[in-house]
Amino acid sequence: MNEKVKSLPYLFCYNTVIKPYLILIIAMRLFVAVVLPDHLKEAIRNYQQEYRSEAIRFVPEDNLHLTLHFIGDTPETVLPGLVEKLQSVAQRNKSFTLNFQETAPGPQLRSPRLIWTRFHEHPVFAGLATDLAHTLEAAPGAHGKFIPHITIARLRKDLPKPKNLPILQDKIISDLDVPHFALWNSQLQSPHPVYSIVQEFSLAG
């Protein structure tokens, strides 16, 4: 097995039509997200310093993104059809701007699992996320509530949660213009997954 195949996730199928044997199908772990500009990543990196603790693991700068829809393990063979669907979504949704709200522990303040940078709710963002869920045939309610956010750190499960984590609302982080979104691939590695952009899609207008 070559190195490229060894580094990718895969699915096994059992074929009983001709004779029983296992077929190896290369799978990609995909999600749809907004690509962040460099100046926003730098501002987030400054915010991360306010949460230094051995119980907190920062998201690497190259992995920072704003999720629109998680797809999951997907056979590489369906990628062309998936790209076509995403192109249609981009063509019928307009660009927009998200306004910064705060950086804070979340999703529950009293029992946080992560540190996130939140933006105020936006009807165009919610409409785009809904369109993606419907077009990609997600299960009803699978997406939960559409809260525009960037996960900047995660709390470790094997250590006590730090107390009195700050809520930062000063305007060090600028508003986020969203003229396009991207299809991303995630390769699970330790200590962090490696993300790469498969293709970007420009929004209308």
C-alpha atoms as a PDB file:
ATOM      1  CA  MET A   1       0.000   0.000   0.000  1.00  0.00           C
ATOM      2  CA  ASN A   2       1.519   3.346  -0.985  1.00  0.00           C
ATOM      3  CA  GLU A   3       2.092   6.204   1.465  1.00  0.00           C
ATOM      4  CA  LYS A   4      -0.835   8.279   0.134  1.00  0.00           C
ATOM      5  CA  VAL A   5      -3.288   5.472   0.780  1.00  0.00           C
ATOM      6  CA  LYS A   6      -1.832   4.734   4.212  1.00  0.00           C
ATOM      7  CA  SER A   7      -2.346   8.364   5.290  1.00  0.00           C
ATOM      8  CA  LEU A   8      -6.048   8.478   4.326  1.00  0.00           C
ATOM      9  CA  PRO A   9      -9.115   7.111   6.132  1.00  0.00           C
ATOM     10  CA  TYR A  10     -10.923   4.332   4.341  1.00  0.00           C
ATOM     11  CA  LEU A  11     -14.145   2.355   4.215  1.00  0.00           C
ATOM     12  CA  PHE A  12     -14.464  -1.403   3.804  1.00  0.00           C
ATOM     13  CA  CYS A  13     -17.194  -2.992   1.658  1.00  0.00           C
ATOM     14  CA  TYR A  14     -17.971  -6.692   1.527  1.00  0.00           C
ATOM     15  CA  ASN A  15     -18.756  -7.978  -1.960  1.00  0.00           C
ATOM     16  CA  THR A  16     -20.695 -11.243  -2.183  1.00  0.00           C
ATOM     17  CA  VAL A  17     -21.833 -11.061  -5.823  1.00  0.00           C
ATOM     18  CA  ILE A  18     -18.710 -12.481  -7.428  1.00  0.00           C
ATOM     19  CA  LYS A  19     -16.903 -13.839  -4.390  1.00  0.00           C
ATOM     20  CA  PRO A  20     -16.411 -12.644  -0.825  1.00  0.00           C
ATOM     21  CA  TYR A  21     -13.580 -10.162  -0.525  1.00  0.00           C
ATOM     22  CA  LEU A  22     -12.889  -6.758   0.961  1.00  0.00           C
ATOM     23  CA  ILE A  23     -12.776  -3.674  -1.238  1.00  0.00           C
ATOM     24  CA  LEU A  24     -10.754  -0.707  -0.027  1.00  0.00           C
ATOM     25  CA  ILE A  25     -12.483   2.618  -0.722  1.00  0.00           C
ATOM     26  CA  ILE A  26     -10.555   5.823  -0.040  1.00  0.00           C
ATOM     27  CA  ALA A  27     -12.672   8.154   2.125  1.00  0.00           C
ATOM     28  CA  MET A  28     -12.258  11.829   2.884  1.00  0.00           C
ATOM     29  CA  ARG A  29     -13.431  13.395   6.160  1.00  0.00           C
ATOM     30  CA  LEU A  30     -15.082  16.545   4.851  1.00  0.00           C
ATOM     31  CA  PHE A  31     -16.674  19.715   6.176  1.00  0.00           C
ATOM     32  CA  VAL A  32     -17.715  23.114   4.789  1.00  0.00           C
ATOM     33  CA  ALA A  33     -16.292  26.230   6.427  1.00  0.00           C
ATOM     34  CA  VAL A  34     -15.316  29.855   5.956  1.00  0.00           C
ATOM     35  CA  VAL A  35     -11.626  30.548   5.345  1.00  0.00           C
ATOM     36  CA  LEU A  36     -10.264  33.154   7.780  1.00  0.00           C
ATOM     37  CA  PRO A  37      -8.084  36.091   6.683  1.00  0.00           C
ATOM     38  CA  ASP A  38      -4.566  36.306   8.126  1.00  0.00           C
ATOM     39  CA  HIS A  39      -5.270  39.441  10.190  1.00  0.00           C
ATOM     40  CA  LEU A  40      -8.126  37.667  11.969  1.00  0.00           C
ATOM     41  CA  LYS A  41      -5.945  34.643  12.724  1.00  0.00           C
ATOM     42  CA  GLU A  42      -3.343  36.972  14.245  1.00  0.00           C
ATOM     43  CA  ALA A  43      -5.967  38.639  16.453  1.00  0.00           C
ATOM     44  CA  ILE A  44      -7.203  35.218  17.604  1.00  0.00           C
ATOM     45  CA  ARG A  45      -3.652  34.179  18.430  1.00  0.00           C
ATOM     46  CA  ASN A  46      -3.423  37.218  20.734  1.00  0.00           C
ATOM     47  CA  TYR A  47      -6.703  36.235  22.388  1.00  0.00           C
ATOM     48  CA  GLN A  48      -5.429  32.708  22.976  1.00  0.00           C
ATOM     49  CA  GLN A  49      -2.782  34.081  25.346  1.00  0.00           C
ATOM     50  CA  GLU A  50      -5.549  35.067  27.765  1.00  0.00           C
ATOM     51  CA  TYR A  51      -6.430  31.394  28.239  1.00  0.00           C
ATOM     52  CA  ARG A  52      -3.055  29.834  28.959  1.00  0.00           C
ATOM     53  CA  SER A  53      -3.504  26.682  31.045  1.00  0.00           C
ATOM     54  CA  GLU A  54      -2.228  23.113  30.919  1.00  0.00           C
ATOM     55  CA  ALA A  55      -5.892  22.079  30.732  1.00  0.00           C
ATOM     56  CA  ILE A  56      -6.455  24.042  27.514  1.00  0.00           C
ATOM     57  CA  ARG A  57      -5.226  22.945  24.076  1.00  0.00           C
ATOM     58  CA  PHE A  58      -5.100  25.689  21.449  1.00  0.00           C
ATOM     59  CA  VAL A  59      -6.288  25.083  17.903  1.00  0.00           C
ATOM     60  CA  PRO A  60      -3.291  25.540  15.533  1.00  0.00           C
ATOM     61  CA  GLU A  61      -3.463  28.694  13.441  1.00  0.00           C
ATOM     62  CA  ASP A  62      -3.718  26.749  10.161  1.00  0.00           C
ATOM     63  CA  ASN A  63      -6.755  24.875  11.512  1.00  0.00           C
ATOM     64  CA  LEU A  64      -8.797  27.948  12.479  1.00  0.00           C
ATOM     65  CA  HIS A  65     -12.055  28.222  10.520  1.00  0.00           C
ATOM     66  CA  LEU A  66     -15.744  29.026  10.873  1.00  0.00           C
ATOM     67  CA  THR A  67     -17.829  25.912  10.298  1.00  0.00           C
ATOM     68  CA  LEU A  68     -20.929  25.969   8.101  1.00  0.00           C
ATOM     69  CA  HIS A  69     -21.660  22.255   7.793  1.00  0.00           C
ATOM     70  CA  PHE A  70     -19.962  19.002   8.826  1.00  0.00           C
ATOM     71  CA  ILE A  71     -20.212  16.235   6.228  1.00  0.00           C
ATOM     72  CA  GLY A  72     -18.070  13.439   7.662  1.00  0.00           C
ATOM     73  CA  ASP A  73     -16.438  10.432   5.993  1.00  0.00           C
ATOM     74  CA  THR A  74     -17.166  10.558   2.277  1.00  0.00           C
ATOM     75  CA  PRO A  75     -15.944   8.215  -0.496  1.00  0.00           C
ATOM     76  CA  GLU A  76     -13.599  10.044  -2.833  1.00  0.00           C
ATOM     77  CA  THR A  77     -15.673   8.809  -5.779  1.00  0.00           C
ATOM     78  CA  VAL A  78     -18.616  11.083  -4.885  1.00  0.00           C
ATOM     79  CA  LEU A  79     -16.468  14.223  -4.711  1.00  0.00           C
ATOM     80  CA  PRO A  80     -17.396  15.551  -8.217  1.00  0.00           C
ATOM     81  CA  GLY A  81     -21.114  15.391  -7.419  1.00  0.00           C
ATOM     82  CA  LEU A  82     -20.536  17.021  -4.033  1.00  0.00           C
ATOM     83  CA  VAL A  83     -18.593  19.881  -5.627  1.00  0.00           C
ATOM     84  CA  GLU A  84     -21.444  20.430  -8.095  1.00  0.00           C
ATOM     85  CA  LYS A  85     -23.942  20.708  -5.231  1.00  0.00           C
ATOM     86  CA  LEU A  86     -21.742  23.202  -3.377  1.00  0.00           C
ATOM     87  CA  GLN A  87     -21.380  25.313  -6.510  1.00  0.00           C
ATOM     88  CA  SER A  88     -25.166  25.528  -6.773  1.00  0.00           C
ATOM     89  CA  VAL A  89     -25.416  26.606  -3.112  1.00  0.00           C
ATOM     90  CA  ALA A  90     -22.814  29.343  -3.648  1.00  0.00           C
ATOM     91  CA  GLN A  91     -24.627  30.670  -6.721  1.00  0.00           C
ATOM     92  CA  ARG A  92     -27.905  31.232  -4.870  1.00  0.00           C
ATOM     93  CA  ASN A  93     -26.503  32.761  -1.647  1.00  0.00           C
ATOM     94  CA  LYS A  94     -25.070  36.263  -1.209  1.00  0.00           C
ATOM     95  CA  SER A  95     -21.893  37.366   0.553  1.00  0.00           C
ATOM     96  CA  PHE A  96     -22.295  38.884   4.032  1.00  0.00           C
ATOM     97  CA  THR A  97     -20.436  40.287   7.044  1.00  0.00           C
ATOM     98  CA  LEU A  98     -20.472  38.827  10.555  1.00  0.00           C
ATOM     99  CA  ASN A  99     -20.164  41.210  13.506  1.00  0.00           C
ATOM    100  CA  PHE A 100     -17.921  40.207  16.406  1.00  0.00           C
ATOM    101  CA  GLN A 101     -19.656  39.504  19.727  1.00  0.00           C
ATOM    102  CA  GLU A 102     -17.149  38.008  22.189  1.00  0.00           C
ATOM    103  CA  THR A 103     -14.524  35.385  22.921  1.00  0.00           C
ATOM    104  CA  ALA A 104     -15.557  33.175  25.835  1.00  0.00           C
ATOM    105  CA  PRO A 105     -15.803  29.643  27.248  1.00  0.00           C
ATOM    106  CA  GLY A 106     -18.601  27.626  25.675  1.00  0.00           C
ATOM    107  CA  PRO A 107     -20.957  26.332  24.594  1.00  0.00           C
ATOM    108  CA  GLN A 108     -22.132  26.333  28.230  1.00  0.00           C
ATOM    109  CA  LEU A 109     -20.409  28.989  30.312  1.00  0.00           C
ATOM    110  CA  ARG A 110     -20.641  27.024  33.576  1.00  0.00           C
ATOM    111  CA  SER A 111     -19.381  23.766  32.079  1.00  0.00           C
ATOM    112  CA  PRO A 112     -17.342  24.672  28.989  1.00  0.00           C
ATOM    113  CA  ARG A 113     -15.814  22.245  26.515  1.00  0.00           C
ATOM    114  CA  LEU A 114     -14.048  24.833  24.404  1.00  0.00           C
ATOM    115  CA  ILE A 115     -13.111  28.477  23.949  1.00  0.00           C
ATOM    116  CA  TRP A 116     -14.841  30.140  21.020  1.00  0.00           C
ATOM    117  CA  THR A 117     -14.939  33.473  19.259  1.00  0.00           C
ATOM    118  CA  ARG A 118     -18.609  34.205  18.638  1.00  0.00           C
ATOM    119  CA  PHE A 119     -20.240  36.502  16.128  1.00  0.00           C
ATOM    120  CA  HIS A 120     -23.757  37.894  16.334  1.00  0.00           C
ATOM    121  CA  GLU A 121     -26.434  35.793  14.671  1.00  0.00           C
ATOM    122  CA  HIS A 122     -27.009  36.730  11.036  1.00  0.00           C
ATOM    123  CA  PRO A 123     -29.984  35.736   8.839  1.00  0.00           C
ATOM    124  CA  VAL A 124     -27.847  35.280   5.715  1.00  0.00           C
ATOM    125  CA  PHE A 125     -25.413  33.034   7.603  1.00  0.00           C
ATOM    126  CA  ALA A 126     -28.327  30.984   8.940  1.00  0.00           C
ATOM    127  CA  GLY A 127     -29.821  30.801   5.451  1.00  0.00           C
ATOM    128  CA  LEU A 128     -26.560  29.591   3.935  1.00  0.00           C
ATOM    129  CA  ALA A 129     -26.083  26.949   6.643  1.00  0.00           C
ATOM    130  CA  THR A 130     -29.688  25.800   6.189  1.00  0.00           C
ATOM    131  CA  ASP A 131     -29.272  25.608   2.409  1.00  0.00           C
ATOM    132  CA  LEU A 132     -26.126  23.502   2.833  1.00  0.00           C
ATOM    133  CA  ALA A 133     -27.881  21.135   5.246  1.00  0.00           C
ATOM    134  CA  HIS A 134     -30.833  20.661   2.900  1.00  0.00           C
ATOM    135  CA  THR A 135     -28.755  20.355  -0.269  1.00  0.00           C
ATOM    136  CA  LEU A 136     -26.408  17.831   1.318  1.00  0.00           C
ATOM    137  CA  GLU A 137     -29.389  15.958   2.764  1.00  0.00           C
ATOM    138  CA  ALA A 138     -28.418  16.175   6.420  1.00  0.00           C
ATOM    139  CA  ALA A 139     -30.723  14.489   8.895  1.00  0.00           C
ATOM    140  CA  PRO A 140     -33.409  16.859  10.293  1.00  0.00           C
ATOM    141  CA  GLY A 141     -32.016  18.716  13.307  1.00  0.00           C
ATOM    142  CA  ALA A 142     -28.519  17.321  12.814  1.00  0.00           C
ATOM    143  CA  HIS A 143     -26.987  20.768  12.490  1.00  0.00           C
ATOM    144  CA  GLY A 144     -28.419  22.134  15.759  1.00  0.00           C
ATOM    145  CA  LYS A 145     -28.630  25.896  16.204  1.00  0.00           C
ATOM    146  CA  PHE A 146     -26.693  28.008  13.723  1.00  0.00           C
ATOM    147  CA  ILE A 147     -24.269  30.000  15.905  1.00  0.00           C
ATOM    148  CA  PRO A 148     -21.463  31.624  13.878  1.00  0.00           C
ATOM    149  CA  HIS A 149     -18.264  30.932  15.796  1.00  0.00           C
ATOM    150  CA  ILE A 150     -14.608  29.973  15.582  1.00  0.00           C
ATOM    151  CA  THR A 151     -13.299  27.362  18.019  1.00  0.00           C
ATOM    152  CA  ILE A 152      -9.923  28.691  19.202  1.00  0.00           C
ATOM    153  CA  ALA A 153      -9.168  26.130  21.940  1.00  0.00           C
ATOM    154  CA  ARG A 154     -10.508  22.960  23.538  1.00  0.00           C
ATOM    155  CA  LEU A 155     -10.471  21.910  27.178  1.00  0.00           C
ATOM    156  CA  ARG A 156      -8.734  18.646  27.945  1.00  0.00           C
ATOM    157  CA  LYS A 157     -10.990  15.939  29.349  1.00  0.00           C
ATOM    158  CA  ASP A 158      -8.250  14.366  31.473  1.00  0.00           C
ATOM    159  CA  LEU A 159      -7.588  17.475  33.599  1.00  0.00           C
ATOM    160  CA  PRO A 160      -9.768  19.592  35.921  1.00  0.00           C
ATOM    161  CA  LYS A 161     -11.402  22.497  34.158  1.00  0.00           C
ATOM    162  CA  PRO A 162      -9.804  25.856  34.982  1.00  0.00           C
ATOM    163  CA  LYS A 163     -12.021  28.337  36.819  1.00  0.00           C
ATOM    164  CA  ASN A 164     -12.773  32.000  36.172  1.00  0.00           C
ATOM    165  CA  LEU A 165     -11.990  31.894  32.477  1.00  0.00           C
ATOM    166  CA  PRO A 166     -12.397  35.398  31.040  1.00  0.00           C
ATOM    167  CA  ILE A 167     -15.045  36.693  28.655  1.00  0.00           C
ATOM    168  CA  LEU A 168     -13.373  39.060  26.199  1.00  0.00           C
ATOM    169  CA  GLN A 169     -15.506  41.623  24.410  1.00  0.00           C
ATOM    170  CA  ASP A 170     -12.999  44.280  23.397  1.00  0.00           C
ATOM    171  CA  LYS A 171     -12.754  44.981  19.684  1.00  0.00           C
ATOM    172  CA  ILE A 172      -9.356  43.345  19.032  1.00  0.00           C
ATOM    173  CA  ILE A 173     -11.109  41.036  16.578  1.00  0.00           C
ATOM    174  CA  SER A 174     -12.580  42.702  13.516  1.00  0.00           C
ATOM    175  CA  ASP A 175     -15.833  41.858  11.791  1.00  0.00           C
ATOM    176  CA  LEU A 176     -15.602  39.008   9.309  1.00  0.00           C
ATOM    177  CA  ASP A 177     -16.448  39.507   5.639  1.00  0.00           C
ATOM    178  CA  VAL A 178     -17.645  36.274   4.020  1.00  0.00           C
ATOM    179  CA  PRO A 179     -17.359  36.443   0.206  1.00  0.00           C
ATOM    180  CA  HIS A 180     -16.794  32.706  -0.191  1.00  0.00           C
ATOM    181  CA  PHE A 181     -16.681  29.360   1.593  1.00  0.00           C
ATOM    182  CA  ALA A 182     -14.626  26.213   1.103  1.00  0.00           C
ATOM    183  CA  LEU A 183     -14.808  22.438   1.193  1.00  0.00           C
ATOM    184  CA  TRP A 184     -12.175  21.154   3.653  1.00  0.00           C
ATOM    185  CA  ASN A 185     -10.621  17.747   4.235  1.00  0.00           C
ATOM    186  CA  SER A 186      -9.551  16.611   7.702  1.00  0.00           C
ATOM    187  CA  GLN A 187      -6.871  13.963   8.259  1.00  0.00           C
ATOM    188  CA  LEU A 188      -6.947  12.677  11.835  1.00  0.00           C
ATOM    189  CA  GLN A 189      -3.494  12.864  13.393  1.00  0.00           C
ATOM    190  CA  SER A 190      -2.037  13.442  16.854  1.00  0.00           C
ATOM    191  CA  PRO A 191      -2.076  15.820  18.652  1.00  0.00           C
ATOM    192  CA  HIS A 192      -4.158  17.774  16.100  1.00  0.00           C
ATOM    193  CA  PRO A 193      -5.882  16.890  12.831  1.00  0.00           C
ATOM    194  CA  VAL A 194      -4.422  18.305   9.631  1.00  0.00           C
ATOM    195  CA  TYR A 195      -6.873  20.393   7.584  1.00  0.00           C
ATOM    196  CA  SER A 196      -6.571  21.187   3.892  1.00  0.00           C
ATOM    197  CA  ILE A 197      -8.832  23.061   1.478  1.00  0.00           C
ATOM    198  CA  VAL A 198     -10.228  20.936  -1.348  1.00  0.00           C
ATOM    199  CA  GLN A 199     -11.973  23.755  -3.246  1.00  0.00           C
ATOM    200  CA  GLU A 200     -13.310  27.271  -2.618  1.00  0.00           C
ATOM    201  CA  PHE A 201     -16.697  28.592  -3.781  1.00  0.00           C
ATOM    202  CA  SER A 202     -17.481  32.293  -4.330  1.00  0.00           C
ATOM    203  CA  LEU A 203     -20.832  33.558  -3.078  1.00  0.00           C
ATOM    204  CA  ALA A 204     -23.073  35.641  -5.304  1.00  0.00           C
ATOM    205  CA  GLY A 205     -22.881  39.450  -5.103  1.00  0.00           C
END
